[in-house]
Amino acid sequence: MPAPTSSDVTAHSPVRSQAHVWFATGCKETSLKEFADAAVSFRRALEIDPSWPEAKHNLGRALFELGQIHEAMALFREVADSNVPELSRRAIAVTIPGSPSDGNAAILDARRAWAETYLPQARPPGRFADRRRATGEPLRVGYLSSFFQHEKWMKPVWSLINQHDRRSIEVHLFCDAPRSRITREYRARENDGFHDISGLSNQEAANRIEHCEIDLLVDLNGYSAVPRLPLVALRPAPVIVGWFNAYATTGMACYDYLIGDEDVIPPDEEKFHCEKILRVRGSYLTFEISYPVPPVASLPWSTKRAITFGCLASQYKINDEVLDAWCGILRQVPNSSLILRNTALTSPGNRRFVQAMFEKRDVSPSMLSLRGGLDHYRFLRTYDEIDVALDTFPYNGGTTTTEAIWQGVPVVTFAGDRWASRTSASILRAGNLGQFIASGIQGYISLAVSLGSGAGPRETLAELRSTMRCRLAASSVCDTESFAQSMERLYHEMTSPAANRAGD
């Protein structure tokens, strides 16, 4: 019996009711992070009602979380052309920097189209023209984030804020969490301003920022906190800057600047950004580790028969192209194995799904160890078992890369075709680990294979592992004081009368 068409499925028919049961089941499974099961449920709903846009969107969400980016983007685009486009257009804007089949021009177009359609129109900066700071008065810099309370993600942020010269910079934090949740990382100073905006609407939060007479607002969220983008769009400060989570253009007219470095944004790609690009020397993601982490373990290969590769990145970064590369590496390195750990793999159904992706590429389950989430300290102990980490692409690790190298595990990566695919290269080069940056995907595979073959690489990795923390601490990637000075110079340039005249 053929499946019913959408015209056969009326709102009150038993068949429609069955579709709703599958849809509700998929929503429940998604809330429990059972993405593989959710995908099955949403497909069942679509077998009954093939044109149901909400089911297509939710199927796309589940597939995205499993790393099935191509199918997810195709579903989002299909729904974006329907009569209920908003959620999928937003999903495209959020996820497109990690889409292997979309480049810089597509990222700019998608984000600009979404922002112009769904965000408030940027208010002109001219209304701040009467503001004047007294000679010698510190620059009032506001930092906006929904994630200040997540210390492991915010290492580069706290490294900058803690190093600010308070004679030059008056720090204001606008936080979507109470002060009690910001614990070890933030070294507060007497004149710092802390503003809990978690209970405020975007308009109320914008009013709070404007009332504080902030000279320059640094948005640390980007598309990682989409509900707060309307706040930035209201332009509550004369100068708006994107940094930290800004690994692509925002497509939003309210941003004046993005801050990156020479690795992540070459000059010939500035045309794909609606913001003016400024660069710091070294990496734009310098960091300091000041919370408890495990000691560096000895190289596991020293007591095993072969190398162990690993990746602790989020599952949504592990797309088909990444799987192809990893499986090519495993097939070429005898007795090698791969450890993956992320929160999505806590689910047995998600693990079975991922394992099947490897089996489809002729990699045996015996070569894999798929593991779920843990508390952060024990999560980091996973690196005790990993000899070499493999980066994801085109959406590289940021936090994942810094944590791997701090635990003595080098990260194999390559500089790709966009900012998101060059983040690891930025970190590694500044950490004097440029030998792990390959040229392209084939170079990435060849480098990993060469590291996994023979006694020479094993001895080199063992020596490097024992010295890596000291080497990193002495490199520019951990020179947070110099980085803060560079950022302060940029802040003063951006707020100078000459810069303001140029932007009018």
Protein backbone atom coordinates (compact mmCIF):
# COMPACT_ATOMS: atom_id res chain seq x y z
CA MET A 1 0.00 0.00 0.00
CA PRO A 2 1.53 3.35 -0.99
CA ALA A 3 2.22 5.94 1.70
CA PRO A 4 -0.42 8.65 1.92
CA THR A 5 0.33 12.02 0.37
CA SER A 6 0.05 15.20 2.41
CA SER A 7 -3.30 15.93 0.76
CA ASP A 8 -4.60 12.61 2.14
CA VAL A 9 -3.48 13.43 5.69
CA THR A 10 -6.11 15.69 7.21
CA ALA A 11 -5.66 17.36 10.57
CA HIS A 12 -8.11 14.95 12.26
CA SER A 13 -7.37 11.68 10.44
CA PRO A 14 -5.99 8.62 12.27
CA VAL A 15 -2.99 8.69 9.95
CA ARG A 16 -2.26 12.30 10.89
CA SER A 17 -2.56 11.36 14.55
CA GLN A 18 0.01 8.61 14.02
CA ALA A 19 2.36 11.14 12.43
CA HIS A 20 1.95 13.38 15.47
CA VAL A 21 2.83 10.50 17.77
CA TRP A 22 6.09 9.94 15.87
CA PHE A 23 6.78 13.69 15.88
CA ALA A 24 6.19 13.97 19.63
CA THR A 25 8.38 10.93 20.21
CA GLY A 26 11.17 12.51 18.18
CA CYS A 27 10.89 15.75 20.16
CA LYS A 28 11.13 13.81 23.42
CA GLU A 29 14.15 11.85 22.18
CA THR A 30 15.83 15.08 21.06
CA SER A 31 15.35 16.58 24.53
CA LEU A 32 17.11 13.49 25.95
CA LYS A 33 19.94 13.86 23.38
CA GLU A 34 18.93 10.54 21.79
CA PHE A 35 19.55 12.00 18.35
CA ALA A 36 19.80 8.75 16.40
CA ASP A 37 16.46 7.54 17.74
CA ALA A 38 14.96 11.00 17.16
CA ALA A 39 16.04 10.90 13.53
CA VAL A 40 14.21 7.58 13.08
CA SER A 41 11.05 9.00 14.67
CA PHE A 42 11.03 12.13 12.54
CA ARG A 43 11.58 10.04 9.41
CA ARG A 44 8.56 7.93 10.39
CA ALA A 45 6.49 11.09 10.74
CA LEU A 46 7.63 12.25 7.32
CA GLU A 47 6.77 8.91 5.73
CA ILE A 48 3.19 9.67 6.73
CA ASP A 49 3.26 13.41 5.98
CA PRO A 50 6.18 14.10 3.59
CA SER A 51 5.60 17.86 3.42
CA TRP A 52 5.50 18.57 7.17
CA PRO A 53 8.07 21.40 7.55
CA GLU A 54 8.42 21.19 11.33
CA ALA A 55 9.26 17.48 11.10
CA LYS A 56 11.83 18.19 8.39
CA HIS A 57 13.40 20.93 10.51
CA ASN A 58 13.59 18.72 13.58
CA LEU A 59 15.03 15.85 11.55
CA GLY A 60 17.68 18.29 10.33
CA ARG A 61 18.48 19.25 13.94
CA ALA A 62 18.91 15.63 14.99
CA LEU A 63 21.10 14.83 11.99
CA PHE A 64 23.21 17.91 12.60
CA GLU A 65 23.96 16.75 16.14
CA LEU A 66 25.17 13.44 14.68
CA GLY A 67 27.53 15.15 12.23
CA GLN A 68 25.33 14.52 9.18
CA ILE A 69 25.78 18.10 8.02
CA HIS A 70 25.00 17.69 4.32
CA GLU A 71 21.56 16.15 4.87
CA ALA A 72 20.81 18.52 7.73
CA MET A 73 21.58 21.59 5.61
CA ALA A 74 19.49 20.22 2.73
CA LEU A 75 16.52 19.83 5.08
CA PHE A 76 16.99 23.29 6.58
CA ARG A 77 17.09 24.82 3.10
CA GLU A 78 13.97 22.95 2.06
CA VAL A 79 12.08 24.28 5.09
CA ALA A 80 13.54 27.77 4.58
CA ASP A 81 11.62 27.88 1.29
CA SER A 82 8.35 26.82 2.97
CA ASN A 83 5.63 28.91 4.61
CA VAL A 84 7.32 28.57 8.05
CA PRO A 85 10.91 29.53 7.25
CA GLU A 86 12.16 31.34 10.35
CA LEU A 87 13.59 28.49 12.44
CA SER A 88 15.39 26.86 9.54
CA ARG A 89 16.79 30.13 8.23
CA ARG A 90 18.18 30.72 11.71
CA ALA A 91 19.57 27.16 11.80
CA ILE A 92 21.32 27.78 8.48
CA ALA A 93 22.82 31.03 9.76
CA VAL A 94 24.09 29.30 12.90
CA THR A 95 25.50 26.12 11.35
CA ILE A 96 26.76 27.21 7.93
CA PRO A 97 30.40 27.93 8.97
CA GLY A 98 30.70 24.18 9.68
CA SER A 99 29.15 23.08 6.39
CA PRO A 100 31.83 21.52 4.14
CA SER A 101 29.90 22.33 0.96
CA ASP A 102 29.46 26.04 1.75
CA GLY A 103 32.21 28.61 1.53
CA ASN A 104 32.82 32.15 2.71
CA ALA A 105 30.46 33.80 0.24
CA ALA A 106 27.59 31.49 1.23
CA ILE A 107 28.25 32.15 4.92
CA LEU A 108 28.04 35.90 4.40
CA ASP A 109 24.89 35.64 2.26
CA ALA A 110 23.07 33.34 4.69
CA ARG A 111 23.88 35.34 7.79
CA ARG A 112 23.18 38.71 6.21
CA ALA A 113 19.83 37.49 4.83
CA TRP A 114 18.74 36.13 8.22
CA ALA A 115 19.90 39.21 10.14
CA GLU A 116 18.23 41.66 7.79
CA THR A 117 14.96 39.74 7.97
CA TYR A 118 14.67 38.81 11.64
CA LEU A 119 16.78 41.18 13.73
CA PRO A 120 16.04 44.78 14.76
CA GLN A 121 17.54 47.38 12.47
CA ALA A 122 20.80 48.73 13.83
CA ARG A 123 20.42 52.15 15.41
CA PRO A 124 22.93 54.75 14.18
CA PRO A 125 25.96 55.37 16.40
CA GLY A 126 25.49 59.11 15.96
CA ARG A 127 23.29 59.32 19.06
CA PHE A 128 26.45 58.84 21.14
CA ALA A 129 28.17 61.84 19.55
CA ASP A 130 27.80 64.04 22.64
CA ARG A 131 29.65 61.62 24.90
CA ARG A 132 33.06 62.84 25.99
CA ARG A 133 35.63 61.22 28.23
CA ALA A 134 37.87 63.39 30.34
CA THR A 135 41.54 63.34 29.49
CA GLY A 136 43.16 60.35 31.16
CA GLU A 137 39.83 58.70 32.01
CA PRO A 138 39.88 54.93 31.40
CA LEU A 139 38.10 53.55 28.37
CA ARG A 140 34.85 51.87 29.42
CA VAL A 141 34.86 48.42 27.82
CA GLY A 142 31.89 46.11 28.19
CA TYR A 143 32.05 42.36 27.68
CA LEU A 144 28.78 40.60 26.84
CA SER A 145 28.47 36.84 27.32
CA SER A 146 25.95 34.15 28.12
CA PHE A 147 28.82 31.82 29.12
CA PHE A 148 30.97 33.55 31.74
CA GLN A 149 30.05 30.76 34.15
CA HIS A 150 31.63 28.07 31.92
CA GLU A 151 35.27 28.34 32.92
CA LYS A 152 36.64 25.70 30.55
CA TRP A 153 35.27 27.49 27.50
CA MET A 154 36.19 30.97 28.66
CA LYS A 155 39.94 30.51 29.20
CA PRO A 156 40.96 33.09 26.56
CA VAL A 157 38.35 35.55 27.84
CA TRP A 158 39.42 35.45 31.48
CA SER A 159 43.06 35.54 30.41
CA LEU A 160 42.37 38.88 28.71
CA ILE A 161 40.10 40.40 31.34
CA ASN A 162 42.38 39.52 34.23
CA GLN A 163 45.35 41.11 32.46
CA HIS A 164 43.66 44.42 31.61
CA ASP A 165 45.44 47.49 32.89
CA ARG A 166 42.67 49.08 34.98
CA ARG A 167 44.37 52.48 34.65
CA SER A 168 43.59 52.29 30.94
CA ILE A 169 40.50 50.06 30.81
CA GLU A 170 37.41 50.15 33.03
CA VAL A 171 35.92 46.65 32.78
CA HIS A 172 32.17 45.97 32.75
CA LEU A 173 30.81 42.43 32.46
CA PHE A 174 27.27 41.92 31.18
CA CYS A 175 26.47 38.36 32.14
CA ASP A 176 23.55 35.96 31.66
CA ALA A 177 24.25 34.46 35.08
CA PRO A 178 24.51 35.80 38.65
CA ARG A 179 27.89 36.75 40.11
CA SER A 180 27.73 33.73 42.45
CA ARG A 181 28.21 31.40 39.45
CA ILE A 182 31.47 33.05 38.40
CA THR A 183 33.97 31.39 40.70
CA ARG A 184 37.67 30.73 40.26
CA GLU A 185 38.67 32.30 36.96
CA TYR A 186 37.69 35.94 37.30
CA ARG A 187 40.07 38.08 39.35
CA ALA A 188 37.77 41.02 40.05
CA ARG A 189 39.13 44.53 40.68
CA GLU A 190 37.61 47.24 42.81
CA ASN A 191 36.21 49.40 40.02
CA ASP A 192 34.97 46.59 37.76
CA GLY A 193 31.28 46.59 36.97
CA PHE A 194 29.37 43.30 37.07
CA HIS A 195 25.85 43.36 35.63
CA ASP A 196 23.56 40.34 35.84
CA ILE A 197 21.29 40.67 32.81
CA SER A 198 19.92 37.12 32.96
CA GLY A 199 16.43 38.34 33.90
CA LEU A 200 16.36 41.19 31.41
CA SER A 201 14.85 41.32 27.95
CA ASN A 202 17.11 42.35 25.09
CA GLN A 203 15.70 45.88 25.17
CA GLU A 204 16.16 46.11 28.94
CA ALA A 205 19.70 44.76 28.71
CA ALA A 206 20.50 47.24 25.92
CA ASN A 207 19.20 50.05 28.12
CA ARG A 208 21.40 48.85 30.98
CA ILE A 209 24.50 48.83 28.76
CA GLU A 210 23.67 52.26 27.37
CA HIS A 211 23.07 53.63 30.88
CA CYS A 212 26.60 52.48 31.84
CA GLU A 213 27.96 54.69 29.03
CA ILE A 214 30.10 51.92 27.60
CA ASP A 215 32.57 53.21 25.00
CA LEU A 216 33.13 49.84 23.33
CA LEU A 217 31.11 46.64 23.66
CA VAL A 218 32.82 43.31 22.96
CA ASP A 219 30.32 40.59 22.10
CA LEU A 220 31.70 37.22 23.16
CA ASN A 221 28.63 35.25 22.06
CA GLY A 222 28.23 35.55 18.32
CA TYR A 223 25.90 32.84 17.01
CA SER A 224 26.54 30.68 20.07
CA ALA A 225 23.76 32.63 21.83
CA VAL A 226 21.31 33.59 19.10
CA PRO A 227 18.63 34.86 21.53
CA ARG A 228 21.05 37.65 22.53
CA LEU A 229 21.84 38.79 18.98
CA PRO A 230 18.88 41.22 18.98
CA LEU A 231 20.52 42.91 21.98
CA VAL A 232 23.67 43.53 19.95
CA ALA A 233 21.57 44.62 16.96
CA LEU A 234 20.12 47.43 19.11
CA ARG A 235 23.65 48.90 19.23
CA PRO A 236 23.83 49.86 22.90
CA ALA A 237 27.36 51.28 22.58
CA PRO A 238 29.14 53.53 20.05
CA VAL A 239 31.49 50.75 18.94
CA ILE A 240 30.53 47.05 18.68
CA VAL A 241 33.26 44.42 18.37
CA GLY A 242 33.07 40.66 17.82
CA TRP A 243 35.77 38.46 19.32
CA PHE A 244 36.23 34.97 20.78
CA ASN A 245 33.14 33.18 19.39
CA ALA A 246 33.32 35.15 16.14
CA TYR A 247 34.76 32.56 13.75
CA ALA A 248 32.95 33.93 10.67
CA THR A 249 31.24 37.13 9.65
CA THR A 250 28.10 37.94 11.63
CA GLY A 251 26.34 39.36 8.59
CA MET A 252 24.98 42.05 10.95
CA ALA A 253 25.29 45.76 10.22
CA CYS A 254 25.66 46.67 13.90
CA TYR A 255 29.12 45.13 14.28
CA ASP A 256 31.90 47.57 13.48
CA TYR A 257 34.86 45.21 13.89
CA LEU A 258 35.92 41.58 14.22
CA ILE A 259 39.23 40.73 15.88
CA GLY A 260 41.24 37.79 14.55
CA ASP A 261 44.82 37.15 13.50
CA GLU A 262 46.89 36.58 10.37
CA ASP A 263 46.22 32.83 10.36
CA VAL A 264 42.45 32.90 10.54
CA ILE A 265 41.62 35.83 8.22
CA PRO A 266 43.98 36.48 5.32
CA PRO A 267 43.56 39.89 3.67
CA ASP A 268 42.01 38.48 0.49
CA GLU A 269 39.07 37.12 2.52
CA GLU A 270 38.12 40.42 4.15
CA LYS A 271 35.56 40.92 1.38
CA PHE A 272 33.51 38.09 2.87
CA HIS A 273 32.98 40.04 6.09
CA CYS A 274 30.62 42.93 6.60
CA GLU A 275 32.75 44.09 9.54
CA LYS A 276 36.17 45.73 9.44
CA ILE A 277 38.84 43.14 10.29
CA LEU A 278 41.54 43.88 12.86
CA ARG A 279 44.33 41.49 13.80
CA VAL A 280 46.49 40.84 16.83
CA ARG A 281 49.97 39.37 16.66
CA GLY A 282 50.14 35.66 17.32
CA SER A 283 46.89 33.85 18.06
CA TYR A 284 43.65 35.66 18.83
CA LEU A 285 42.97 32.84 21.36
CA THR A 286 45.79 33.11 23.89
CA PHE A 287 44.98 31.24 27.08
CA GLU A 288 45.93 30.53 30.67
CA ILE A 289 44.98 27.38 32.60
CA SER A 290 44.38 28.36 36.22
CA TYR A 291 41.90 25.70 37.36
CA PRO A 292 42.76 22.11 38.35
CA VAL A 293 43.67 19.81 35.46
CA PRO A 294 45.33 16.37 35.47
CA PRO A 295 49.11 16.05 35.23
CA VAL A 296 50.52 15.04 31.85
CA ALA A 297 50.67 11.24 31.59
CA SER A 298 53.43 9.32 29.86
CA LEU A 299 52.97 8.44 26.19
CA PRO A 300 50.52 5.49 26.03
CA TRP A 301 52.23 4.16 22.89
CA SER A 302 55.31 3.46 25.03
CA THR A 303 53.49 0.54 26.65
CA LYS A 304 51.16 -0.44 23.78
CA ARG A 305 51.67 -2.16 20.45
CA ALA A 306 50.58 0.78 18.32
CA ILE A 307 49.48 4.38 18.29
CA THR A 308 46.14 5.57 19.67
CA PHE A 309 44.52 8.51 17.92
CA GLY A 310 41.73 10.45 19.55
CA CYS A 311 39.30 13.33 19.31
CA LEU A 312 37.22 14.83 22.12
CA ALA A 313 35.33 17.31 19.93
CA SER A 314 31.56 17.67 19.85
CA GLN A 315 29.85 15.07 17.66
CA TYR A 316 28.34 17.69 15.35
CA LYS A 317 31.85 18.58 14.15
CA ILE A 318 32.52 14.98 13.04
CA ASN A 319 31.07 15.08 9.52
CA ASP A 320 31.41 12.66 6.61
CA GLU A 321 34.61 14.26 5.30
CA VAL A 322 36.21 13.94 8.75
CA LEU A 323 35.14 10.29 8.98
CA ASP A 324 36.58 9.59 5.53
CA ALA A 325 39.94 11.04 6.58
CA TRP A 326 40.05 9.27 9.92
CA CYS A 327 39.15 5.92 8.40
CA GLY A 328 41.85 6.42 5.78
CA ILE A 329 44.36 6.97 8.59
CA LEU A 330 43.24 3.94 10.60
CA ARG A 331 43.38 1.65 7.58
CA GLN A 332 46.97 2.73 6.81
CA VAL A 333 48.43 2.49 10.33
CA PRO A 334 48.64 -1.15 11.50
CA ASN A 335 47.06 -1.92 14.88
CA SER A 336 46.06 1.72 15.38
CA SER A 337 42.90 2.69 17.25
CA LEU A 338 40.72 5.75 17.77
CA ILE A 339 39.09 7.11 20.93
CA LEU A 340 36.13 9.47 20.62
CA ARG A 341 34.48 11.07 23.63
CA ASN A 342 31.66 13.62 23.69
CA THR A 343 28.28 14.08 25.36
CA ALA A 344 26.33 12.80 22.33
CA LEU A 345 28.09 9.44 22.66
CA THR A 346 26.61 8.95 26.14
CA SER A 347 23.57 7.57 24.30
CA PRO A 348 23.85 3.89 23.22
CA GLY A 349 21.73 4.68 20.15
CA ASN A 350 24.05 7.50 19.10
CA ARG A 351 27.07 5.25 19.62
CA ARG A 352 25.54 2.56 17.41
CA PHE A 353 24.87 5.18 14.74
CA VAL A 354 28.46 6.46 14.81
CA GLN A 355 29.90 2.95 14.86
CA ALA A 356 27.86 2.12 11.76
CA MET A 357 29.39 5.15 10.00
CA PHE A 358 32.85 3.67 10.60
CA GLU A 359 31.81 0.15 9.60
CA LYS A 360 30.45 1.56 6.35
CA ARG A 361 34.02 2.76 5.71
CA ASP A 362 35.58 -0.64 6.47
CA VAL A 363 36.82 0.22 9.95
CA SER A 364 36.19 -2.52 12.49
CA PRO A 365 34.48 -1.74 15.83
CA SER A 366 37.57 -3.28 17.49
CA MET A 367 39.54 -0.23 16.37
CA LEU A 368 37.14 2.19 18.08
CA SER A 369 36.39 3.31 21.60
CA LEU A 370 33.27 5.49 21.69
CA ARG A 371 32.66 7.14 25.03
CA GLY A 372 30.20 9.58 26.54
CA GLY A 373 30.55 12.68 28.66
CA LEU A 374 32.18 12.97 32.08
CA ASP A 375 32.89 15.69 34.60
CA HIS A 376 35.60 17.89 33.15
CA TYR A 377 38.58 16.65 35.17
CA ARG A 378 37.88 13.01 34.30
CA PHE A 379 37.08 14.05 30.73
CA LEU A 380 40.61 15.47 30.45
CA ARG A 381 42.07 12.22 31.82
CA THR A 382 41.01 10.65 28.51
CA TYR A 383 44.11 12.28 27.00
CA ASP A 384 46.18 9.90 29.18
CA GLU A 385 45.22 7.22 26.64
CA ILE A 386 45.73 9.26 23.45
CA ASP A 387 49.03 9.68 21.61
CA VAL A 388 47.91 12.06 18.86
CA ALA A 389 44.69 14.07 18.57
CA LEU A 390 42.96 14.47 15.21
CA ASP A 391 41.28 17.80 14.53
CA THR A 392 37.83 18.22 12.98
CA PHE A 393 37.18 20.28 9.85
CA PRO A 394 35.93 22.60 8.53
CA TYR A 395 34.91 23.38 12.12
CA ASN A 396 38.13 23.05 14.11
CA GLY A 397 38.56 22.67 17.80
CA GLY A 398 39.18 25.76 19.91
CA THR A 399 38.79 24.71 23.51
CA THR A 400 39.40 21.12 22.40
CA THR A 401 42.71 22.02 20.80
CA THR A 402 44.01 24.06 23.74
CA GLU A 403 43.06 21.30 26.19
CA ALA A 404 44.70 18.57 24.13
CA ILE A 405 48.04 20.33 23.83
CA TRP A 406 48.00 21.34 27.51
CA GLN A 407 47.65 17.63 28.32
CA GLY A 408 50.72 16.95 26.17
CA VAL A 409 48.85 15.61 23.14
CA PRO A 410 49.71 17.21 19.76
CA VAL A 411 46.82 17.98 17.41
CA VAL A 412 47.07 17.18 13.69
CA THR A 413 45.24 19.81 11.66
CA PHE A 414 45.44 21.77 8.41
CA ALA A 415 44.62 25.35 7.46
CA GLY A 416 41.34 25.17 5.56
CA ASP A 417 39.31 27.56 3.46
CA ARG A 418 37.64 29.67 6.19
CA TRP A 419 38.17 31.12 9.65
CA ALA A 420 36.50 28.18 11.44
CA SER A 421 38.91 25.78 9.74
CA ARG A 422 42.05 27.70 10.76
CA THR A 423 41.51 28.13 14.49
CA SER A 424 43.70 25.19 15.45
CA ALA A 425 46.44 26.37 13.09
CA SER A 426 46.38 29.74 14.85
CA ILE A 427 46.75 28.13 18.27
CA LEU A 428 49.40 25.60 17.22
CA ARG A 429 51.56 28.10 15.36
CA ALA A 430 51.58 30.50 18.32
CA GLY A 431 52.41 27.53 20.56
CA ASN A 432 55.46 26.62 18.42
CA LEU A 433 53.73 23.44 17.24
CA GLY A 434 53.54 24.35 13.57
CA GLN A 435 54.94 20.96 12.54
CA PHE A 436 51.47 19.52 13.17
CA ILE A 437 49.79 21.82 10.62
CA ALA A 438 49.45 19.93 7.33
CA SER A 439 48.72 21.28 3.86
CA GLY A 440 45.22 20.16 2.93
CA ILE A 441 43.25 17.01 3.70
CA GLN A 442 45.68 14.64 1.99
CA GLY A 443 48.55 16.22 3.86
CA TYR A 444 46.55 15.84 7.08
CA ILE A 445 46.11 12.11 6.43
CA SER A 446 49.76 11.65 5.46
CA LEU A 447 51.01 13.51 8.54
CA ALA A 448 48.87 11.41 10.88
CA VAL A 449 49.99 8.20 9.16
CA SER A 450 53.66 9.20 9.41
CA LEU A 451 53.27 9.98 13.13
CA GLY A 452 51.81 6.53 13.70
CA SER A 453 54.53 4.57 11.96
CA GLY A 454 57.77 3.39 13.52
CA ALA A 455 59.99 3.87 16.54
CA GLY A 456 61.27 7.30 15.46
CA PRO A 457 57.92 9.09 15.69
CA ARG A 458 57.15 7.29 18.94
CA GLU A 459 60.33 8.57 20.57
CA THR A 460 59.72 12.08 19.24
CA LEU A 461 56.16 12.12 20.61
CA ALA A 462 57.34 10.83 23.99
CA GLU A 463 59.93 13.61 24.31
CA LEU A 464 57.49 16.26 23.14
CA ARG A 465 54.81 15.09 25.54
CA SER A 466 57.11 15.46 28.52
CA THR A 467 58.05 19.05 27.64
CA MET A 468 54.95 20.44 25.96
CA ARG A 469 53.46 22.31 28.91
CA CYS A 470 56.70 24.12 29.62
CA ARG A 471 57.10 24.96 25.94
CA LEU A 472 53.54 26.27 25.70
CA ALA A 473 53.90 28.38 28.84
CA ALA A 474 56.94 30.05 27.30
CA SER A 475 55.27 30.64 23.91
CA SER A 476 53.12 33.51 22.67
CA VAL A 477 49.92 31.41 22.88
CA CYS A 478 50.19 31.72 26.68
CA ASP A 479 51.60 35.27 26.77
CA THR A 480 48.35 36.74 28.00
CA GLU A 481 49.96 39.97 29.20
CA SER A 482 51.21 40.90 25.72
CA PHE A 483 47.89 39.85 24.22
CA ALA A 484 46.00 42.16 26.59
CA GLN A 485 48.28 45.03 25.62
CA SER A 486 47.61 44.35 21.93
CA MET A 487 43.85 44.29 22.51
CA GLU A 488 43.98 47.51 24.51
CA ARG A 489 45.82 49.24 21.66
CA LEU A 490 43.11 48.10 19.25
CA TYR A 491 40.37 49.28 21.61
CA HIS A 492 41.88 52.74 21.82
CA GLU A 493 42.29 52.87 18.04
CA MET A 494 38.66 51.84 17.49
CA THR A 495 37.34 54.54 19.81
CA SER A 496 39.63 57.33 18.64
CA PRO A 497 38.01 60.42 17.08
CA ALA A 498 39.69 59.57 13.76
CA ALA A 499 38.14 56.06 13.73
CA ASN A 500 34.71 57.47 14.60
CA ARG A 501 34.89 60.00 11.77
CA ALA A 502 35.92 57.26 9.35
CA GLY A 503 32.92 55.16 10.39
CA ASP A 504 30.32 57.89 9.99
